[in-house]
Amino acid sequence: MVPNGWKLTSLGEICSGNLQTGPFGSQLHAHEYMDEGVPVLMPKDLINYRANNESAAKIPEHRADDLKKHTLKSGDLLFSRRGDVARFALIESDYPRSLCGTGCLKATPSKDHSPLFLSYFLQKNAVKKWLEQNAVGQTMPNMNTAILSELPLMVASSREEEDKIAQILSTWDKAITTTERLIATSQQQKKALMQQLLTGKKRLINPETGRVFEGDWERHSLSDLVHVDKKSLGKKTPDDFEFKYISLSDVATGTIGVNLEIHKYSTAPSRARRVLQNGDILLSTVRPNLKGFAKISEKHADCIASTGFSVLTPKKRVSGDYIYQYIFSSHVTGQINSLVVGSNYPAINSSDVAGLKVYCPTYEEQQKIASVLTAADKEIELLEAKLAHLKDEKKALMQQLLTGKRRVQI
């Protein structure tokens, strides 16, 4: 249903046919590209609906002058011509000067329409699906100006209404960008904290004495501090024993998926064997460089994990939170990377895990270090939750504003 005053149209119509293919390979050769000069934007440089001039190959000014008809202007829409044909970017400024590259198509909307509004409309799943379905070629999808000009669009009643919608959505984008930067900053600060605290370069205050912790740290094998794979399901397990299963794919860095499969022992995957308890730590031994590590809380204490994990159970007077933070440190990941064998299925084994070297202060200092790093994690988690909320809210708002279901006051 088309809202009152809105119009069904096409990209070709709102651009008055002003769609153009980037220069052919015969016009611009690979050997002409350099590190400095005028950016020539290719599909790889279209990131998050904006153009990344930094990643683009460059050409000399005089060659850019030869190809001036491919110069990009503020408000142009740049589309990928091959591969990921749903990829596009809005050109936000005439400066610095940039060119439409060989692998792209350029569309210039008329002054009657808001390029920013159009860029939001083009983010819709329906648009992506249309582009993918109408591309030619199976091995490598290709787009051309004839097909692209037929791309269906729905535009608002006026440029003013489009501008207002775009302004509202861009406010949400700014909030999202700000939150993403805060997350990145917090992650860097956490990384710096780990480097200082887990090496003893920075010592914290002992709350019992009010003075800085003192004393040398001791070097241990991980097996001195934790039990590795303490308990597994055996042949005596009843066939009807039912459990939630944590597979390798269920664990990302620090998180366990919410939709865990439920199995009975008799029909469960052969890898479903590791028995867990509250406070255990999962360390993925398959592709460990992906850091599929997580801490088991009460919520997952009755689950069974894959044998693709080493399960670490802290011994007495060892802080599980400290060990959990330590396995993410460069000291441990460096050891793991040197132990990995296999290229198709890179892995380490439980004996490798048991032999990992860890530097430890006293139990009290372990607890204090862990509390500081855990607090940093919680701050990041809160920001990530805020980011997810902002993205959900923006998505819902786009659904209302870009369909005309919710009208704006001009």
Protein backbone atom coordinates (compact mmCIF):
# COMPACT_ATOMS: atom_id res chain seq x y z
CA MET A 1 0.00 0.00 0.00
CA VAL A 2 1.36 3.40 -1.04
CA PRO A 3 0.76 6.17 1.54
CA ASN A 4 -1.02 9.33 0.51
CA GLY A 5 1.32 11.55 -1.50
CA TRP A 6 4.06 8.91 -1.76
CA LYS A 7 5.05 7.39 -5.07
CA LEU A 8 6.33 4.10 -6.45
CA THR A 9 9.20 4.75 -8.82
CA SER A 10 12.60 3.38 -9.86
CA LEU A 11 16.22 4.37 -9.36
CA GLY A 12 16.52 5.23 -13.05
CA GLU A 13 13.53 7.56 -12.85
CA ILE A 14 14.68 9.51 -9.80
CA CYS A 15 18.14 9.80 -11.34
CA SER A 16 16.69 10.89 -14.70
CA GLY A 17 18.70 8.08 -16.27
CA ASN A 18 21.93 9.44 -14.80
CA LEU A 19 23.57 6.09 -14.07
CA GLN A 20 27.11 5.39 -15.14
CA THR A 21 29.59 2.51 -15.13
CA GLY A 22 33.10 3.09 -13.80
CA PRO A 23 36.05 3.22 -16.21
CA PHE A 24 36.85 0.07 -18.19
CA GLY A 25 40.04 -1.82 -17.46
CA SER A 26 41.52 -0.52 -20.70
CA GLN A 27 41.11 3.06 -19.42
CA LEU A 28 42.74 2.45 -16.06
CA HIS A 29 45.42 -0.18 -15.54
CA ALA A 30 46.46 -1.85 -12.29
CA HIS A 31 50.07 -0.63 -12.60
CA GLU A 32 48.84 2.98 -12.40
CA TYR A 33 47.62 2.59 -8.83
CA MET A 34 49.75 4.10 -6.07
CA ASP A 35 49.68 4.91 -2.34
CA GLU A 36 49.12 8.65 -2.77
CA GLY A 37 46.79 10.60 -5.02
CA VAL A 38 43.09 10.57 -5.88
CA PRO A 39 41.11 7.63 -4.39
CA VAL A 40 39.49 5.27 -6.90
CA LEU A 41 36.64 3.56 -5.07
CA MET A 42 36.04 -0.14 -5.61
CA PRO A 43 33.45 -2.46 -3.99
CA LYS A 44 35.83 -3.31 -1.11
CA ASP A 45 35.87 0.38 -0.18
CA LEU A 46 32.09 0.58 0.31
CA ILE A 47 31.79 -0.08 4.05
CA ASN A 48 28.66 0.38 6.18
CA TYR A 49 26.98 2.39 3.41
CA ARG A 50 29.81 4.92 3.26
CA ALA A 51 32.96 5.23 1.12
CA ASN A 52 36.34 4.55 2.73
CA ASN A 53 38.87 6.70 0.90
CA GLU A 54 41.68 5.46 3.14
CA SER A 55 41.46 1.87 1.90
CA ALA A 56 41.08 2.84 -1.77
CA ALA A 57 43.86 2.59 -4.32
CA LYS A 58 45.02 5.99 -5.60
CA ILE A 59 45.97 7.46 -8.98
CA PRO A 60 47.89 10.65 -9.88
CA GLU A 61 45.95 13.91 -10.27
CA HIS A 62 46.60 14.09 -14.02
CA ARG A 63 45.09 10.64 -14.54
CA ALA A 64 42.08 11.64 -12.43
CA ASP A 65 41.68 14.65 -14.76
CA ASP A 66 41.65 12.27 -17.75
CA LEU A 67 38.81 10.35 -16.08
CA LYS A 68 36.94 13.37 -14.73
CA LYS A 69 33.54 12.12 -15.92
CA HIS A 70 33.87 9.45 -13.21
CA THR A 71 34.44 12.04 -10.45
CA LEU A 72 32.09 11.52 -7.51
CA LYS A 73 30.04 14.36 -6.07
CA SER A 74 28.26 14.80 -2.77
CA GLY A 75 24.93 12.95 -2.97
CA ASP A 76 26.06 10.34 -5.50
CA LEU A 77 25.19 6.72 -4.78
CA LEU A 78 27.92 4.21 -5.55
CA PHE A 79 27.00 0.56 -6.16
CA SER A 80 29.09 -2.59 -6.43
CA ARG A 81 29.03 -3.90 -10.00
CA ARG A 82 30.15 -7.43 -9.20
CA GLY A 83 30.25 -9.90 -6.34
CA ASP A 84 28.22 -8.46 -3.47
CA VAL A 85 25.87 -6.47 -5.71
CA ALA A 86 23.81 -5.22 -2.75
CA ARG A 87 26.81 -3.27 -1.48
CA PHE A 88 26.54 0.50 -1.88
CA ALA A 89 27.69 3.79 -0.38
CA LEU A 90 26.47 7.35 -0.17
CA ILE A 91 29.08 9.94 -1.14
CA GLU A 92 28.83 12.59 1.57
CA SER A 93 31.26 15.22 0.30
CA ASP A 94 33.00 16.51 -2.83
CA TYR A 95 36.23 16.58 -0.83
CA PRO A 96 38.56 14.87 -0.91
CA ARG A 97 38.09 14.24 -4.58
CA SER A 98 37.40 10.62 -5.49
CA LEU A 99 36.48 8.55 -8.55
CA CYS A 100 34.05 5.75 -9.31
CA GLY A 101 36.23 2.68 -9.86
CA THR A 102 36.07 -0.07 -12.46
CA GLY A 103 34.05 -2.38 -10.21
CA CYS A 104 31.35 0.18 -9.38
CA LEU A 105 28.31 1.95 -10.79
CA LYS A 106 27.41 5.56 -10.05
CA ALA A 107 23.87 6.94 -9.67
CA THR A 108 23.17 10.66 -9.28
CA PRO A 109 19.69 11.44 -7.85
CA SER A 110 17.87 14.54 -9.04
CA LYS A 111 17.61 17.57 -6.75
CA ASP A 112 13.98 16.61 -6.05
CA HIS A 113 15.11 13.78 -3.79
CA SER A 114 17.21 13.44 -0.66
CA PRO A 115 20.26 11.23 -1.26
CA LEU A 116 20.40 10.47 2.47
CA PHE A 117 16.75 9.32 2.46
CA LEU A 118 17.49 7.12 -0.55
CA SER A 119 20.53 5.64 1.18
CA TYR A 120 18.31 4.57 4.07
CA PHE A 121 15.73 3.09 1.71
CA LEU A 122 18.47 1.12 -0.05
CA GLN A 123 19.40 -0.53 3.26
CA LYS A 124 16.08 -2.41 3.32
CA ASN A 125 16.24 -6.20 3.01
CA ALA A 126 13.75 -6.09 0.15
CA VAL A 127 16.15 -3.92 -1.87
CA LYS A 128 19.09 -6.21 -1.14
CA LYS A 129 17.02 -9.23 -2.20
CA TRP A 130 15.95 -7.54 -5.45
CA LEU A 131 19.52 -6.66 -6.39
CA GLU A 132 20.75 -10.19 -5.68
CA GLN A 133 17.89 -11.82 -7.59
CA ASN A 134 18.22 -9.56 -10.63
CA ALA A 135 22.01 -9.69 -10.98
CA VAL A 136 23.31 -11.67 -13.96
CA GLY A 137 25.83 -14.49 -13.72
CA GLN A 138 25.87 -17.40 -11.28
CA THR A 139 29.55 -17.81 -10.39
CA MET A 140 30.12 -14.07 -10.04
CA PRO A 141 26.93 -11.95 -9.86
CA ASN A 142 27.14 -8.82 -12.01
CA MET A 143 25.10 -5.64 -12.13
CA ASN A 144 24.74 -3.15 -14.98
CA THR A 145 23.10 0.24 -15.41
CA ALA A 146 20.11 -1.20 -17.29
CA ILE A 147 19.21 -3.54 -14.43
CA LEU A 148 20.05 -1.02 -11.72
CA SER A 149 17.83 1.61 -13.30
CA GLU A 150 14.84 -0.73 -12.80
CA LEU A 151 15.41 -1.01 -9.03
CA PRO A 152 11.98 -0.34 -7.43
CA LEU A 153 11.82 2.49 -4.89
CA MET A 154 9.15 4.29 -2.94
CA VAL A 155 9.70 7.99 -2.32
CA ALA A 156 8.01 10.49 -0.03
CA SER A 157 5.63 13.25 -1.06
CA SER A 158 8.34 15.91 -1.16
CA ARG A 159 12.06 16.53 -0.78
CA GLU A 160 11.26 18.22 2.54
CA GLU A 161 9.58 15.09 3.92
CA GLU A 162 12.49 12.95 2.74
CA ASP A 163 14.98 15.33 4.37
CA LYS A 164 13.06 15.20 7.67
CA ILE A 165 12.96 11.39 7.68
CA ALA A 166 16.67 11.24 6.87
CA GLN A 167 17.43 13.72 9.66
CA ILE A 168 15.58 11.58 12.24
CA LEU A 169 17.33 8.38 11.18
CA SER A 170 20.74 10.05 11.04
CA THR A 171 20.27 11.10 14.68
CA TRP A 172 20.00 7.41 15.56
CA ASP A 173 23.05 6.66 13.42
CA LYS A 174 25.05 9.24 15.35
CA ALA A 175 24.03 7.63 18.65
CA ILE A 176 25.02 4.22 17.28
CA THR A 177 28.38 5.52 16.04
CA THR A 178 29.07 7.22 19.39
CA THR A 179 28.30 4.00 21.26
CA GLU A 180 30.49 1.94 18.91
CA ARG A 181 33.37 4.33 19.59
CA LEU A 182 32.81 4.07 23.34
CA ILE A 183 32.92 0.27 23.05
CA ALA A 184 36.14 0.41 21.03
CA THR A 185 37.69 2.80 23.58
CA SER A 186 36.59 0.62 26.50
CA GLN A 187 38.01 -2.48 24.81
CA GLN A 188 41.35 -0.76 24.30
CA GLN A 189 41.38 0.39 27.92
CA LYS A 190 40.61 -3.17 29.07
CA LYS A 191 43.43 -4.49 26.89
CA ALA A 192 45.85 -1.98 28.42
CA LEU A 193 44.65 -2.91 31.92
CA MET A 194 45.26 -6.59 31.21
CA GLN A 195 48.75 -5.84 29.98
CA GLN A 196 49.53 -3.96 33.19
CA LEU A 197 47.71 -6.05 35.78
CA LEU A 198 48.37 -9.57 34.47
CA THR A 199 52.11 -8.95 34.20
CA GLY A 200 52.54 -7.30 37.59
CA LYS A 201 53.66 -4.03 36.00
CA LYS A 202 50.88 -2.32 37.92
CA ARG A 203 50.07 -3.49 41.45
CA LEU A 204 46.74 -2.73 43.09
CA ILE A 205 45.92 -1.70 46.64
CA ASN A 206 45.40 -4.50 49.14
CA PRO A 207 42.10 -3.58 50.85
CA GLU A 208 43.23 -5.40 54.01
CA THR A 209 46.37 -3.29 54.51
CA GLY A 210 45.61 -0.17 52.48
CA ARG A 211 48.99 -0.60 50.79
CA VAL A 212 50.07 -1.84 47.38
CA PHE A 213 50.34 -5.62 47.04
CA GLU A 214 53.93 -6.82 47.27
CA GLY A 215 55.87 -10.00 46.65
CA ASP A 216 57.10 -11.90 43.62
CA TRP A 217 54.75 -13.75 41.32
CA GLU A 218 55.14 -17.49 40.79
CA ARG A 219 55.24 -19.29 37.45
CA HIS A 220 52.97 -22.32 37.24
CA SER A 221 51.73 -24.82 34.73
CA LEU A 222 48.00 -24.36 34.32
CA SER A 223 47.46 -27.88 35.71
CA ASP A 224 48.96 -26.70 39.02
CA LEU A 225 46.08 -24.25 39.32
CA VAL A 226 43.10 -26.04 37.75
CA HIS A 227 41.80 -29.53 37.12
CA VAL A 228 41.66 -30.11 33.35
CA ASP A 229 38.63 -32.14 32.18
CA LYS A 230 37.82 -33.24 35.71
CA LYS A 231 34.70 -35.23 34.87
CA SER A 232 33.10 -36.73 31.75
CA LEU A 233 30.04 -38.82 30.99
CA GLY A 234 30.90 -42.51 30.85
CA LYS A 235 29.42 -45.78 29.66
CA LYS A 236 27.34 -46.09 32.82
CA THR A 237 25.39 -42.93 31.95
CA PRO A 238 21.66 -43.84 31.57
CA ASP A 239 20.44 -43.73 27.96
CA ASP A 240 17.54 -41.47 28.94
CA PHE A 241 19.77 -38.91 30.71
CA GLU A 242 18.69 -35.56 29.22
CA PHE A 243 20.80 -32.42 29.04
CA LYS A 244 21.47 -29.18 27.24
CA TYR A 245 24.52 -29.43 24.99
CA ILE A 246 27.15 -26.72 24.56
CA SER A 247 28.82 -27.27 21.19
CA LEU A 248 31.83 -25.42 19.81
CA SER A 249 29.55 -23.21 17.72
CA ASP A 250 27.59 -22.15 20.82
CA VAL A 251 30.56 -20.35 22.38
CA ALA A 252 31.93 -17.03 21.20
CA THR A 253 34.39 -14.86 23.11
CA GLY A 254 33.01 -14.77 26.64
CA THR A 255 29.46 -15.78 25.70
CA ILE A 256 27.37 -18.94 25.46
CA GLY A 257 24.45 -19.12 23.02
CA VAL A 258 20.88 -18.99 24.29
CA ASN A 259 19.33 -21.67 22.06
CA LEU A 260 21.18 -24.77 23.23
CA GLU A 261 20.11 -28.13 21.83
CA ILE A 262 18.57 -30.67 24.21
CA HIS A 263 19.73 -34.28 23.87
CA LYS A 264 19.36 -37.66 25.49
CA TYR A 265 22.59 -39.53 26.09
CA SER A 266 21.65 -42.41 23.79
CA THR A 267 21.24 -40.14 20.75
CA ALA A 268 23.58 -37.27 21.67
CA PRO A 269 26.61 -36.35 19.55
CA SER A 270 29.65 -38.46 20.44
CA ARG A 271 31.47 -35.28 21.51
CA ALA A 272 28.84 -34.46 24.17
CA ARG A 273 30.79 -35.70 27.19
CA ARG A 274 32.26 -32.89 29.34
CA VAL A 275 30.46 -32.52 32.69
CA LEU A 276 30.30 -28.92 33.97
CA GLN A 277 29.88 -27.19 37.30
CA ASN A 278 29.42 -23.59 38.36
CA GLY A 279 32.70 -21.65 38.06
CA ASP A 280 34.26 -23.89 35.40
CA ILE A 281 35.98 -22.32 32.40
CA LEU A 282 35.55 -23.53 28.83
CA LEU A 283 38.61 -23.25 26.60
CA SER A 284 38.07 -24.29 22.99
CA THR A 285 40.88 -26.56 21.80
CA VAL A 286 39.63 -26.42 18.21
CA ARG A 287 40.55 -23.20 16.39
CA PRO A 288 41.60 -21.71 19.75
CA ASN A 289 42.76 -18.55 17.97
CA LEU A 290 39.04 -17.61 17.75
CA LYS A 291 39.03 -17.45 21.58
CA GLY A 292 35.95 -19.58 22.12
CA PHE A 293 36.41 -19.25 25.87
CA ALA A 294 33.61 -18.78 28.42
CA LYS A 295 32.94 -19.00 32.15
CA ILE A 296 30.23 -21.32 33.41
CA SER A 297 27.62 -19.73 35.67
CA GLU A 298 24.82 -21.42 37.61
CA LYS A 299 22.66 -21.09 34.49
CA HIS A 300 24.84 -23.56 32.54
CA ALA A 301 26.08 -25.71 35.43
CA ASP A 302 23.84 -28.64 34.44
CA CYS A 303 24.89 -28.57 30.77
CA ILE A 304 27.21 -30.99 29.00
CA ALA A 305 29.98 -29.56 26.80
CA SER A 306 31.75 -30.84 23.71
CA THR A 307 35.07 -32.63 24.03
CA GLY A 308 36.28 -29.86 21.72
CA PHE A 309 36.64 -27.86 24.94
CA SER A 310 39.06 -28.26 27.78
CA VAL A 311 37.10 -27.72 30.99
CA LEU A 312 39.14 -25.93 33.65
CA THR A 313 38.01 -26.33 37.27
CA PRO A 314 39.93 -23.99 39.63
CA LYS A 315 41.63 -25.64 42.60
CA LYS A 316 41.41 -24.29 46.16
CA ARG A 317 42.90 -20.85 46.75
CA VAL A 318 42.90 -20.14 43.01
CA SER A 319 40.62 -17.41 41.63
CA GLY A 320 38.61 -18.76 38.70
CA ASP A 321 37.95 -15.20 37.55
CA TYR A 322 41.70 -14.55 37.48
CA ILE A 323 42.36 -17.68 35.41
CA TYR A 324 39.50 -16.75 33.08
CA GLN A 325 40.95 -13.29 32.48
CA TYR A 326 44.46 -14.71 32.12
CA ILE A 327 43.59 -17.11 29.28
CA PHE A 328 42.67 -14.08 27.17
CA SER A 329 46.08 -12.48 27.77
CA SER A 330 48.71 -12.25 25.05
CA HIS A 331 50.97 -14.44 27.21
CA VAL A 332 48.57 -17.39 26.95
CA THR A 333 47.33 -16.78 23.40
CA GLY A 334 50.94 -16.60 22.23
CA GLN A 335 51.65 -20.00 23.79
CA ILE A 336 48.50 -21.46 22.25
CA ASN A 337 49.36 -20.17 18.78
CA SER A 338 52.78 -21.84 18.98
CA LEU A 339 51.17 -25.17 19.91
CA VAL A 340 48.42 -25.28 17.27
CA VAL A 341 48.76 -28.10 14.75
CA GLY A 342 46.84 -28.64 11.51
CA SER A 343 45.80 -26.11 8.91
CA ASN A 344 42.34 -27.37 7.93
CA TYR A 345 41.39 -28.17 11.52
CA PRO A 346 43.83 -26.23 13.75
CA ALA A 347 43.76 -27.56 17.29
CA ILE A 348 45.61 -28.20 20.52
CA ASN A 349 45.04 -31.04 22.99
CA SER A 350 44.27 -31.20 26.70
CA SER A 351 47.88 -31.93 27.63
CA ASP A 352 48.90 -28.75 25.78
CA VAL A 353 46.34 -26.84 27.83
CA ALA A 354 47.57 -28.40 31.08
CA GLY A 355 51.12 -27.31 30.27
CA LEU A 356 50.33 -23.65 29.56
CA LYS A 357 52.42 -21.35 31.75
CA VAL A 358 50.70 -18.85 34.01
CA TYR A 359 52.14 -16.20 36.34
CA CYS A 360 50.28 -15.92 39.62
CA PRO A 361 50.36 -13.55 42.60
CA THR A 362 48.76 -14.44 45.93
CA TYR A 363 45.12 -15.52 46.01
CA GLU A 364 44.09 -12.15 47.46
CA GLU A 365 45.83 -10.24 44.68
CA GLN A 366 44.34 -12.59 42.08
CA GLN A 367 40.88 -11.72 43.39
CA LYS A 368 41.56 -7.99 43.30
CA ILE A 369 42.94 -8.10 39.74
CA ALA A 370 39.99 -10.21 38.60
CA SER A 371 37.48 -7.80 40.16
CA VAL A 372 38.96 -4.83 38.27
CA LEU A 373 39.00 -6.67 34.93
CA THR A 374 35.52 -8.12 35.48
CA ALA A 375 34.20 -4.60 36.15
CA ALA A 376 35.73 -3.49 32.84
CA ASP A 377 33.99 -6.41 31.11
CA LYS A 378 30.64 -5.41 32.62
CA GLU A 379 31.07 -1.85 31.38
CA ILE A 380 31.66 -3.18 27.86
CA GLU A 381 28.67 -5.52 28.16
CA LEU A 382 26.41 -2.62 29.15
CA LEU A 383 27.58 -0.59 26.16
CA GLU A 384 27.06 -3.57 23.85
CA ALA A 385 23.53 -4.00 25.20
CA LYS A 386 22.88 -0.30 24.61
CA LEU A 387 24.21 -0.63 21.06
CA ALA A 388 21.94 -3.61 20.34
CA HIS A 389 18.96 -1.63 21.69
CA LEU A 390 19.78 1.40 19.53
CA LYS A 391 20.07 -0.77 16.43
CA ASP A 392 16.75 -2.48 17.16
CA GLU A 393 15.03 0.86 17.73
CA LYS A 394 16.47 2.28 14.51
CA LYS A 395 15.36 -0.79 12.57
CA ALA A 396 11.80 -0.42 13.89
CA LEU A 397 11.82 3.29 13.10
CA MET A 398 13.05 2.65 9.55
CA GLN A 399 10.21 0.19 9.05
CA GLN A 400 7.72 2.90 10.01
CA LEU A 401 9.28 5.96 8.39
CA LEU A 402 10.42 4.44 5.08
CA THR A 403 7.00 2.95 4.38
CA GLY A 404 5.03 6.06 5.27
CA LYS A 405 3.21 4.23 8.07
CA ARG A 406 4.45 6.96 10.36
CA ARG A 407 4.43 10.45 8.90
CA VAL A 408 6.64 13.32 9.99
CA GLN A 409 5.80 16.97 10.51
CA ILE A 410 7.56 19.31 8.12
